[in-house]
N, C-alpha and C. Protein backbone atom coordinates (compact mmCIF):
# COMPACT_ATOMS: atom_id res chain seq x y z
N MET A 1 1.08 -0.97 0.07
CA MET A 1 0.59 0.22 0.00
C MET A 1 0.66 1.24 -0.07
N ASN A 2 1.92 1.04 0.85
CA ASN A 2 3.01 2.61 1.14
C ASN A 2 4.23 2.45 -0.58
N THR A 3 3.89 1.26 -0.92
CA THR A 3 4.82 1.36 -2.73
C THR A 3 3.78 1.67 -3.56
N LEU A 4 2.26 1.91 -3.48
CA LEU A 4 1.61 2.54 -4.15
C LEU A 4 1.50 4.32 -4.38
N ARG A 5 1.30 4.25 -3.08
CA ARG A 5 1.46 5.74 -2.97
C ARG A 5 3.02 6.31 -3.07
N ILE A 6 3.67 5.57 -2.91
CA ILE A 6 5.05 6.11 -3.95
C ILE A 6 4.53 6.34 -4.99
N THR A 7 4.53 5.29 -5.50
CA THR A 7 4.64 5.00 -7.02
C THR A 7 3.81 5.95 -7.67
N VAL A 8 3.02 6.45 -6.91
CA VAL A 8 1.61 7.56 -7.31
C VAL A 8 2.33 9.08 -7.29
N CYS A 9 2.36 9.64 -6.46
CA CYS A 9 3.50 10.61 -6.07
C CYS A 9 4.44 10.74 -7.12
N ALA A 10 5.24 9.25 -7.41
CA ALA A 10 6.45 9.96 -7.64
C ALA A 10 5.85 9.84 -9.25
N ALA A 11 4.73 9.55 -9.79
CA ALA A 11 4.43 9.64 -10.86
C ALA A 11 4.13 11.43 -11.33
N ALA A 12 2.94 11.57 -10.36
CA ALA A 12 2.23 12.87 -10.76
C ALA A 12 3.79 13.97 -10.58
N LEU A 13 4.61 14.19 -9.64
CA LEU A 13 5.65 14.43 -9.77
C LEU A 13 6.61 14.60 -11.09
N VAL A 14 6.21 12.74 -12.14
CA VAL A 14 7.12 13.57 -13.03
C VAL A 14 6.61 14.37 -13.90
N LEU A 15 5.16 14.15 -13.98
CA LEU A 15 3.65 14.94 -15.05
C LEU A 15 4.21 16.46 -14.85
N ILE A 16 4.01 16.52 -13.36
CA ILE A 16 3.87 18.10 -12.97
C ILE A 16 5.44 19.24 -13.36
N ALA A 17 6.73 18.21 -13.28
CA ALA A 17 7.98 18.73 -13.86
C ALA A 17 7.83 18.84 -15.50
N GLY A 18 7.24 17.86 -16.22
CA GLY A 18 6.88 17.99 -17.12
C GLY A 18 6.12 19.27 -17.78
N CYS A 19 5.46 19.20 -17.20
CA CYS A 19 4.86 20.98 -17.56
C CYS A 19 5.11 21.73 -17.44
N GLY A 20 6.11 22.21 -16.13
CA GLY A 20 7.07 23.11 -15.98
C GLY A 20 8.16 23.01 -16.67
N ALA A 21 8.48 22.25 -17.29
CA ALA A 21 9.79 22.56 -18.19
C ALA A 21 8.97 22.84 -19.60
N GLU A 22 7.58 22.31 -19.65
CA GLU A 22 7.20 23.25 -21.79
C GLU A 22 6.74 24.19 -20.89
N VAL A 23 6.25 25.26 -19.64
CA VAL A 23 6.15 25.99 -19.77
C VAL A 23 7.40 26.99 -19.33
N ALA A 24 8.14 26.81 -18.96
CA ALA A 24 9.45 27.13 -19.22
C ALA A 24 10.00 27.72 -20.83
N THR A 25 10.16 26.16 -21.56
CA THR A 25 10.73 26.22 -22.74
C THR A 25 9.75 27.13 -23.68
N THR A 26 8.49 27.20 -23.28
CA THR A 26 7.37 28.02 -24.11
C THR A 26 7.68 29.54 -24.09
N ALA A 27 7.69 30.04 -22.73
CA ALA A 27 8.77 31.06 -21.98
C ALA A 27 9.73 31.84 -22.71
N ALA A 28 10.49 30.74 -23.00
CA ALA A 28 11.71 30.90 -23.40
C ALA A 28 11.63 31.38 -24.79
N THR A 29 10.90 30.64 -25.78
CA THR A 29 10.54 30.86 -27.19
C THR A 29 10.12 31.66 -27.06
N GLY A 30 9.23 32.46 -26.73
CA GLY A 30 8.08 33.35 -26.41
C GLY A 30 9.13 35.08 -26.49
N ALA A 31 9.91 34.76 -25.95
CA ALA A 31 10.72 35.77 -25.52
C ALA A 31 11.66 36.30 -26.76
N ALA A 32 12.01 35.04 -27.38
CA ALA A 32 13.04 35.12 -28.38
C ALA A 32 12.55 35.89 -29.73
N ILE A 33 11.44 34.85 -29.38
CA ILE A 33 10.24 36.20 -30.63
C ILE A 33 10.39 37.77 -30.75
N LYS A 34 9.47 37.86 -29.06
CA LYS A 34 9.69 38.97 -29.25
C LYS A 34 11.14 39.81 -29.49
N LYS A 35 11.95 39.32 -28.84
CA LYS A 35 13.30 40.04 -29.58
C LYS A 35 13.30 39.98 -31.10
N GLN A 36 13.11 39.25 -31.36
CA GLN A 36 13.57 39.57 -32.92
C GLN A 36 12.81 40.72 -33.78
N GLU A 37 11.61 40.67 -32.80
CA GLU A 37 10.39 41.42 -33.33
C GLU A 37 11.08 43.05 -32.96
N VAL A 38 11.67 43.25 -31.71
CA VAL A 38 12.70 44.46 -31.47
C VAL A 38 13.58 44.54 -32.27
N ASP A 39 13.74 44.02 -32.35
CA ASP A 39 15.23 44.05 -33.14
C ASP A 39 14.97 44.32 -34.77
N ALA A 40 13.69 43.72 -35.35
CA ALA A 40 13.61 43.91 -35.87
C ALA A 40 13.08 45.96 -36.84
N ALA A 41 11.89 45.90 -35.38
CA ALA A 41 11.62 46.97 -35.32
C ALA A 41 12.69 48.51 -35.08
N LYS A 42 13.54 47.81 -34.40
CA LYS A 42 15.27 49.34 -34.72
C LYS A 42 15.64 49.45 -35.61
N GLN A 43 15.82 47.89 -36.32
CA GLN A 43 16.07 48.29 -38.28
C GLN A 43 15.00 49.26 -38.70
N LEU A 44 14.32 48.46 -38.65
CA LEU A 44 13.13 49.87 -39.22
C LEU A 44 13.18 50.95 -39.03
N LYS A 45 13.31 51.25 -38.01
CA LYS A 45 13.29 52.78 -37.54
C LYS A 45 14.68 53.31 -38.19
N GLU A 46 15.85 52.78 -37.65
CA GLU A 46 16.89 53.68 -37.94
C GLU A 46 16.59 53.44 -39.78
N SER A 47 16.13 52.71 -40.66
CA SER A 47 16.45 52.64 -42.09
C SER A 47 15.38 53.56 -42.34
N THR A 48 14.24 53.83 -41.64
CA THR A 48 13.50 54.67 -41.82
C THR A 48 13.60 56.07 -41.75
N ASP A 49 14.80 56.56 -40.29
CA ASP A 49 14.85 57.48 -39.82
C ASP A 49 16.24 58.39 -41.12
N LYS A 50 16.89 58.03 -41.64
CA LYS A 50 17.58 57.61 -42.63
C LYS A 50 16.81 58.33 -44.23
N LYS A 51 15.78 57.88 -43.97
CA LYS A 51 15.09 58.09 -45.57
C LYS A 51 14.83 59.30 -45.25
N ILE A 52 13.85 59.56 -43.57
CA ILE A 52 13.70 60.77 -43.58
C ILE A 52 14.53 61.63 -43.88
N ASP A 53 15.66 61.45 -43.50
CA ASP A 53 16.97 62.65 -43.31
C ASP A 53 16.92 63.02 -44.80
N ALA A 54 17.31 61.84 -45.25
CA ALA A 54 17.57 62.05 -47.05
C ALA A 54 17.33 63.01 -47.37
N ALA A 55 15.19 62.71 -47.40
CA ALA A 55 14.27 64.04 -47.67
C ALA A 55 14.61 65.21 -47.37
N ALA A 56 14.62 65.38 -46.12
CA ALA A 56 14.60 66.64 -45.48
C ALA A 56 15.85 67.31 -46.50
N GLN A 57 17.15 66.25 -46.81
CA GLN A 57 17.92 66.96 -46.64
C GLN A 57 17.50 67.58 -48.24
N ALA A 58 16.97 66.78 -49.19
CA ALA A 58 16.25 67.27 -50.87
C ALA A 58 15.83 68.46 -50.64
N ILE A 59 15.07 68.27 -50.05
CA ILE A 59 14.27 70.09 -49.39
C ILE A 59 14.86 70.61 -49.45
N GLN A 60 15.84 70.94 -48.63
CA GLN A 60 16.67 71.65 -48.63
C GLN A 60 17.56 72.41 -49.35
N GLN A 61 17.98 71.24 -50.49
CA GLN A 61 18.80 71.61 -51.66
C GLN A 61 18.37 72.63 -52.44
N ARG A 62 16.87 71.94 -52.63
CA ARG A 62 15.82 72.22 -53.58
C ARG A 62 15.78 73.76 -53.14
N ALA A 63 15.05 74.32 -52.02
CA ALA A 63 15.21 75.62 -51.82
C ALA A 63 16.06 76.32 -51.60
N GLU A 64 17.45 75.70 -51.31
CA GLU A 64 18.26 76.78 -51.65
C GLU A 64 18.71 77.31 -53.08
N GLN A 65 18.76 76.13 -53.94
CA GLN A 65 18.92 76.33 -55.22
C GLN A 65 18.01 77.29 -55.81
N GLN A 66 16.36 77.21 -55.15
CA GLN A 66 15.53 78.00 -56.06
C GLN A 66 15.64 79.13 -55.23
N GLY A 67 15.89 79.25 -54.30
CA GLY A 67 16.12 80.81 -53.84
C GLY A 67 17.52 81.32 -54.50
N ASN A 68 18.52 80.79 -55.19
CA ASN A 68 19.88 81.50 -55.74
C ASN A 68 19.23 81.58 -57.00
N ALA A 69 18.25 80.75 -57.52
CA ALA A 69 18.47 81.14 -58.53
C ALA A 69 17.12 82.48 -59.40
N VAL A 70 16.11 82.79 -57.71
CA VAL A 70 15.76 83.91 -58.03
C VAL A 70 16.20 84.98 -58.07
N LYS A 71 17.60 84.94 -57.68
CA LYS A 71 18.34 86.31 -56.89
C LYS A 71 19.15 86.77 -58.14
């Protein structure tokens, strides 16, 4: 009778430990995916900032050229 209790408790512990490991793995995978998303967003922001800066410079140059042409 005592051996049966120990066996059942051991089996329950194995199942519970397995669930904990699965949850930890799932959380780690989710964190890795979020990190990739953050990195991709940072790269997109940097690229967009460069394009905005280039467009602003082009507008400034055109304005200067038009100002010089009027004089």
